[in-house]
Amino acid sequence: MQFCPPFMQKRFLVSRLVPAMAAACLLALLLYLGFWQLGKAQRRAAELSQYSERTQLGPYAMDSSLVDPRLLQGARVSVRGRFEPQDQFFVDNRQEDGKPGVHVVTPLRIEGSATRVLVNRGWAAWVQGRQVLPPVAVVDGLVEVSGVAEVPLNKNFFLMPEHDQSLSRLWSRLDLKRFTAEHHYPVQPVVILQTTTITPDGLIRNWQPPEDRVAKHQSYAYQWFSMALALLVFCVVIIVRTLRNHD
């Protein structure tokens, strides 16, 4: 029987233990990524189903009562009130048919109340360069706006400023929290994507439904699971070969 010094035994264990632990960690990561993508696919499928159901319902008549944004996301809505052009702003970096432009967002004071709701009235092109905001007419008087309720994303994109300092009404994103903080009146926690034309205003209202990415997330999940299975098979083969050589 051949004597093996303790330090060699320790080196042998380390040489086997470290790769095994690395393989186990990698396997766990691959499985986590697979289930993560499956979860995203399931959530997206639920959102699409909910959107489809809500678009089939009649429009929700919005009033001064603040709504639950989770219950109204993607639903058709209608509201009566008066536009307030003095607080109108523009959301930058919006394209239509490959052309750069902005979304025009105008607060609407809901009839008979102090509550406002932001209305995304549509897309306008940069017609006089980026130093001059597009001229957009605003209807005066009582109007009825119909559209789809949307909860804006609050993601802050890397290295993108909040707004152009030279144009205070040009915002990098539609930030409901920021608008609410800057004004001392109640604001509905959703934005209305206007779908009807009250008067000719030259704005384009080409609102796209939520993108169906369920199949893409499922495909990513299967890829991660396939890599996990390949790693598991590889580890089993290595273990079997090692045991045979040891015998």
Protein backbone atom coordinates (compact mmCIF):
# COMPACT_ATOMS: atom_id res chain seq x y z
CA MET A 1 0.00 0.00 0.00
CA GLN A 2 1.49 3.29 -1.13
CA PHE A 3 1.78 6.00 1.50
CA CYS A 4 0.30 9.36 0.54
CA PRO A 5 1.53 12.39 2.53
CA PRO A 6 -1.19 14.56 4.13
CA PHE A 7 -0.38 17.59 1.96
CA MET A 8 -0.84 15.49 -1.19
CA GLN A 9 -4.14 14.17 0.11
CA LYS A 10 -5.25 17.75 0.76
CA ARG A 11 -4.15 18.82 -2.72
CA PHE A 12 -6.04 15.90 -4.23
CA LEU A 13 -9.23 16.83 -2.35
CA VAL A 14 -8.92 20.47 -3.35
CA SER A 15 -8.36 19.54 -7.00
CA ARG A 16 -11.62 17.59 -6.93
CA LEU A 17 -13.67 19.80 -4.62
CA VAL A 18 -13.11 23.14 -6.35
CA PRO A 19 -14.30 22.00 -9.82
CA ALA A 20 -17.27 20.21 -8.22
CA MET A 21 -18.31 23.35 -6.34
CA ALA A 22 -17.85 25.49 -9.45
CA ALA A 23 -19.97 23.10 -11.49
CA ALA A 24 -22.67 23.07 -8.80
CA CYS A 25 -22.76 26.87 -8.69
CA LEU A 26 -22.92 27.11 -12.46
CA LEU A 27 -25.72 24.53 -12.57
CA ALA A 28 -27.68 26.47 -9.96
CA LEU A 29 -27.19 29.71 -11.93
CA LEU A 30 -28.38 28.14 -15.19
CA LEU A 31 -31.47 26.72 -13.50
CA TYR A 32 -32.19 30.08 -11.85
CA LEU A 33 -31.97 31.89 -15.20
CA GLY A 34 -34.25 29.33 -16.80
CA PHE A 35 -36.94 29.68 -14.13
CA TRP A 36 -36.50 33.46 -14.20
CA GLN A 37 -37.30 33.53 -17.92
CA LEU A 38 -40.25 31.17 -17.41
CA GLY A 39 -41.58 33.53 -14.74
CA LYS A 40 -41.27 36.48 -17.12
CA ALA A 41 -43.13 34.52 -19.79
CA GLN A 42 -45.96 33.71 -17.39
CA ARG A 43 -46.25 37.31 -16.21
CA ARG A 44 -46.25 38.58 -19.78
CA ALA A 45 -48.94 36.09 -20.78
CA ALA A 46 -51.08 37.25 -17.85
CA GLU A 47 -50.59 40.90 -18.84
CA LEU A 48 -51.58 40.20 -22.45
CA SER A 49 -54.67 38.29 -21.35
CA GLN A 50 -55.64 41.10 -19.01
CA TYR A 51 -55.08 43.71 -21.73
CA SER A 52 -57.25 41.75 -24.17
CA GLU A 53 -60.06 41.42 -21.63
CA ARG A 54 -60.02 45.09 -20.64
CA THR A 55 -60.04 46.35 -24.23
CA GLN A 56 -63.28 44.43 -24.78
CA LEU A 57 -65.04 46.24 -21.93
CA GLY A 58 -66.83 49.55 -22.23
CA PRO A 59 -64.92 52.71 -21.34
CA TYR A 60 -64.49 53.55 -17.69
CA ALA A 61 -65.92 57.00 -16.89
CA MET A 62 -63.16 58.70 -14.94
CA ASP A 63 -64.03 61.30 -12.34
CA SER A 64 -62.19 63.09 -9.54
CA SER A 65 -61.76 59.92 -7.43
CA LEU A 66 -58.20 58.65 -7.70
CA VAL A 67 -58.15 55.26 -9.39
CA ASP A 68 -56.15 52.13 -8.64
CA PRO A 69 -53.58 52.08 -11.49
CA ARG A 70 -53.23 48.29 -11.33
CA LEU A 71 -56.94 47.83 -12.03
CA LEU A 72 -57.06 50.36 -14.85
CA GLN A 73 -53.87 49.52 -16.76
CA GLY A 74 -54.79 48.93 -20.42
CA ALA A 75 -58.49 49.72 -19.91
CA ARG A 76 -60.48 52.06 -22.10
CA VAL A 77 -61.43 55.28 -20.34
CA SER A 78 -63.29 58.50 -21.01
CA VAL A 79 -63.18 61.75 -19.08
CA ARG A 80 -64.60 65.27 -19.39
CA GLY A 81 -62.66 68.38 -18.50
CA ARG A 82 -60.56 71.28 -19.71
CA PHE A 83 -57.00 71.16 -20.99
CA GLU A 84 -54.41 73.31 -19.21
CA PRO A 85 -51.80 74.28 -21.84
CA GLN A 86 -49.71 76.25 -19.33
CA ASP A 87 -48.56 72.96 -17.78
CA GLN A 88 -48.14 71.08 -21.03
CA PHE A 89 -44.79 69.34 -21.60
CA PHE A 90 -43.10 67.18 -24.22
CA VAL A 91 -41.51 63.75 -23.88
CA ASP A 92 -38.33 63.48 -25.94
CA ASN A 93 -36.85 60.64 -28.03
CA ARG A 94 -40.08 59.34 -29.53
CA GLN A 95 -40.07 58.06 -33.09
CA GLU A 96 -42.74 57.55 -35.71
CA ASP A 97 -41.82 55.81 -38.98
CA GLY A 98 -38.16 56.37 -38.13
CA LYS A 99 -38.59 60.13 -37.69
CA PRO A 100 -37.54 61.78 -34.40
CA GLY A 101 -40.13 63.64 -32.44
CA VAL A 102 -41.90 64.06 -29.12
CA HIS A 103 -45.06 63.03 -27.33
CA VAL A 104 -47.28 65.93 -26.32
CA VAL A 105 -48.62 65.56 -22.77
CA THR A 106 -51.27 67.97 -21.54
CA PRO A 107 -52.96 67.95 -18.13
CA LEU A 108 -56.75 67.87 -18.14
CA ARG A 109 -58.66 69.36 -15.22
CA ILE A 110 -61.50 66.92 -14.64
CA GLU A 111 -64.91 68.55 -14.80
CA GLY A 112 -66.24 69.72 -11.45
CA SER A 113 -63.07 69.02 -9.49
CA ALA A 114 -59.48 70.04 -8.84
CA THR A 115 -58.13 66.67 -9.94
CA ARG A 116 -56.02 66.49 -13.08
CA VAL A 117 -55.17 63.61 -15.38
CA LEU A 118 -52.30 63.67 -17.84
CA VAL A 119 -53.31 63.06 -21.44
CA ASN A 120 -50.72 61.91 -23.96
CA ARG A 121 -52.26 63.55 -26.99
CA GLY A 122 -49.94 62.03 -29.58
CA TRP A 123 -46.70 62.37 -31.51
CA ALA A 124 -45.30 65.50 -33.14
CA ALA A 125 -42.17 65.85 -35.25
CA TRP A 126 -39.32 68.28 -34.71
CA VAL A 127 -40.15 70.80 -37.43
CA GLN A 128 -37.86 73.68 -36.44
CA GLY A 129 -34.94 71.83 -34.91
CA ARG A 130 -34.44 70.72 -31.34
CA GLN A 131 -34.12 74.25 -30.00
CA VAL A 132 -37.78 75.04 -30.72
CA LEU A 133 -40.59 72.91 -29.34
CA PRO A 134 -43.19 71.82 -31.92
CA PRO A 135 -46.14 74.22 -32.06
CA VAL A 136 -49.24 72.32 -30.95
CA ALA A 137 -52.71 73.78 -30.63
CA VAL A 138 -54.73 73.04 -27.51
CA VAL A 139 -58.52 72.94 -27.52
CA ASP A 140 -60.09 75.61 -25.32
CA GLY A 141 -63.22 74.83 -23.35
CA LEU A 142 -64.90 71.67 -22.11
CA VAL A 143 -63.88 68.50 -23.98
CA GLU A 144 -64.43 64.77 -23.67
CA VAL A 145 -61.30 62.67 -24.08
CA SER A 146 -61.35 58.95 -24.84
CA GLY A 147 -58.34 56.68 -24.76
CA VAL A 148 -56.47 53.90 -23.00
CA ALA A 149 -55.14 54.13 -19.45
CA GLU A 150 -51.43 53.50 -19.06
CA VAL A 151 -49.10 53.39 -16.07
CA PRO A 152 -45.80 54.93 -17.22
CA LEU A 153 -42.58 53.11 -16.44
CA ASN A 154 -40.39 54.84 -13.88
CA LYS A 155 -37.09 53.44 -15.11
CA ASN A 156 -34.26 55.94 -15.15
CA PHE A 157 -32.09 55.22 -18.17
CA PHE A 158 -28.33 55.27 -17.74
CA LEU A 159 -26.66 58.62 -18.46
CA MET A 160 -29.94 60.15 -19.69
CA PRO A 161 -30.73 63.51 -18.05
CA GLU A 162 -34.14 64.19 -16.58
CA HIS A 163 -34.76 66.95 -19.12
CA ASP A 164 -32.95 69.38 -21.37
CA GLN A 165 -31.99 72.36 -19.22
CA SER A 166 -32.38 74.72 -22.19
CA LEU A 167 -36.00 73.58 -22.68
CA SER A 168 -37.65 73.17 -19.30
CA ARG A 169 -40.78 71.65 -20.83
CA LEU A 170 -38.84 68.91 -22.63
CA TRP A 171 -38.67 65.79 -20.50
CA SER A 172 -36.63 62.65 -21.10
CA ARG A 173 -39.48 60.43 -19.85
CA LEU A 174 -43.03 60.70 -18.63
CA ASP A 175 -42.56 60.85 -14.87
CA LEU A 176 -45.87 61.00 -13.00
CA LYS A 177 -44.17 61.34 -9.61
CA ARG A 178 -42.20 64.32 -10.80
CA PHE A 179 -45.26 66.04 -12.26
CA THR A 180 -47.27 65.43 -9.09
CA ALA A 181 -44.46 66.81 -6.92
CA GLU A 182 -44.23 69.98 -9.02
CA HIS A 183 -47.96 70.77 -8.80
CA HIS A 184 -50.16 71.29 -5.77
CA TYR A 185 -53.27 69.43 -6.86
CA PRO A 186 -54.38 65.79 -7.03
CA VAL A 187 -53.22 63.89 -10.12
CA GLN A 188 -54.62 60.59 -11.35
CA PRO A 189 -51.93 57.83 -11.17
CA VAL A 190 -52.44 56.89 -14.83
CA VAL A 191 -51.90 58.60 -18.16
CA ILE A 192 -54.54 58.53 -20.90
CA LEU A 193 -53.30 57.66 -24.38
CA GLN A 194 -55.77 59.71 -26.39
CA THR A 195 -57.37 57.76 -29.22
CA THR A 196 -60.02 60.18 -30.50
CA THR A 197 -59.42 63.40 -32.41
CA ILE A 198 -61.31 66.28 -30.85
CA THR A 199 -60.18 68.86 -33.40
CA PRO A 200 -57.53 68.57 -36.14
CA ASP A 201 -54.19 69.07 -34.37
CA GLY A 202 -51.67 67.33 -36.62
CA LEU A 203 -50.71 64.82 -33.92
CA ILE A 204 -50.23 61.13 -34.72
CA ARG A 205 -51.86 58.67 -32.31
CA ASN A 206 -50.37 55.32 -33.25
CA TRP A 207 -50.45 53.49 -29.94
CA GLN A 208 -49.03 49.99 -30.11
CA PRO A 209 -50.48 47.14 -28.00
CA PRO A 210 -48.16 45.38 -25.53
CA GLU A 211 -45.54 43.35 -27.35
CA ASP A 212 -46.06 39.59 -27.20
CA ARG A 213 -42.70 38.37 -25.90
CA VAL A 214 -43.99 35.16 -24.30
CA ALA A 215 -42.43 32.86 -26.91
CA LYS A 216 -39.11 34.71 -26.70
CA HIS A 217 -38.92 34.34 -22.91
CA GLN A 218 -39.86 30.67 -23.20
CA SER A 219 -37.15 30.17 -25.80
CA TYR A 220 -34.57 31.77 -23.52
CA ALA A 221 -35.74 29.54 -20.67
CA TYR A 222 -35.32 26.40 -22.77
CA GLN A 223 -31.82 27.52 -23.75
CA TRP A 224 -30.81 27.93 -20.11
CA PHE A 225 -32.33 24.57 -19.19
CA SER A 226 -30.56 22.93 -22.14
CA MET A 227 -27.22 24.30 -20.98
CA ALA A 228 -27.96 23.09 -17.45
CA LEU A 229 -28.74 19.61 -18.77
CA ALA A 230 -25.58 19.58 -20.88
CA LEU A 231 -23.52 20.59 -17.85
CA LEU A 232 -25.14 17.89 -15.73
CA VAL A 233 -24.43 15.21 -18.35
CA PHE A 234 -20.84 16.42 -18.67
CA CYS A 235 -20.35 16.21 -14.89
CA VAL A 236 -21.81 12.70 -14.74
CA VAL A 237 -19.50 11.53 -17.54
CA ILE A 238 -16.45 13.00 -15.78
CA ILE A 239 -17.43 11.37 -12.47
CA VAL A 240 -17.93 7.97 -14.10
CA ARG A 241 -14.60 8.16 -15.91
CA THR A 242 -12.83 9.24 -12.73
CA LEU A 243 -14.28 6.33 -10.77
CA ARG A 244 -13.29 3.86 -13.48
CA ASN A 245 -9.73 5.18 -13.59
CA HIS A 246 -9.51 5.03 -9.82
CA ASP A 247 -10.59 1.39 -9.83
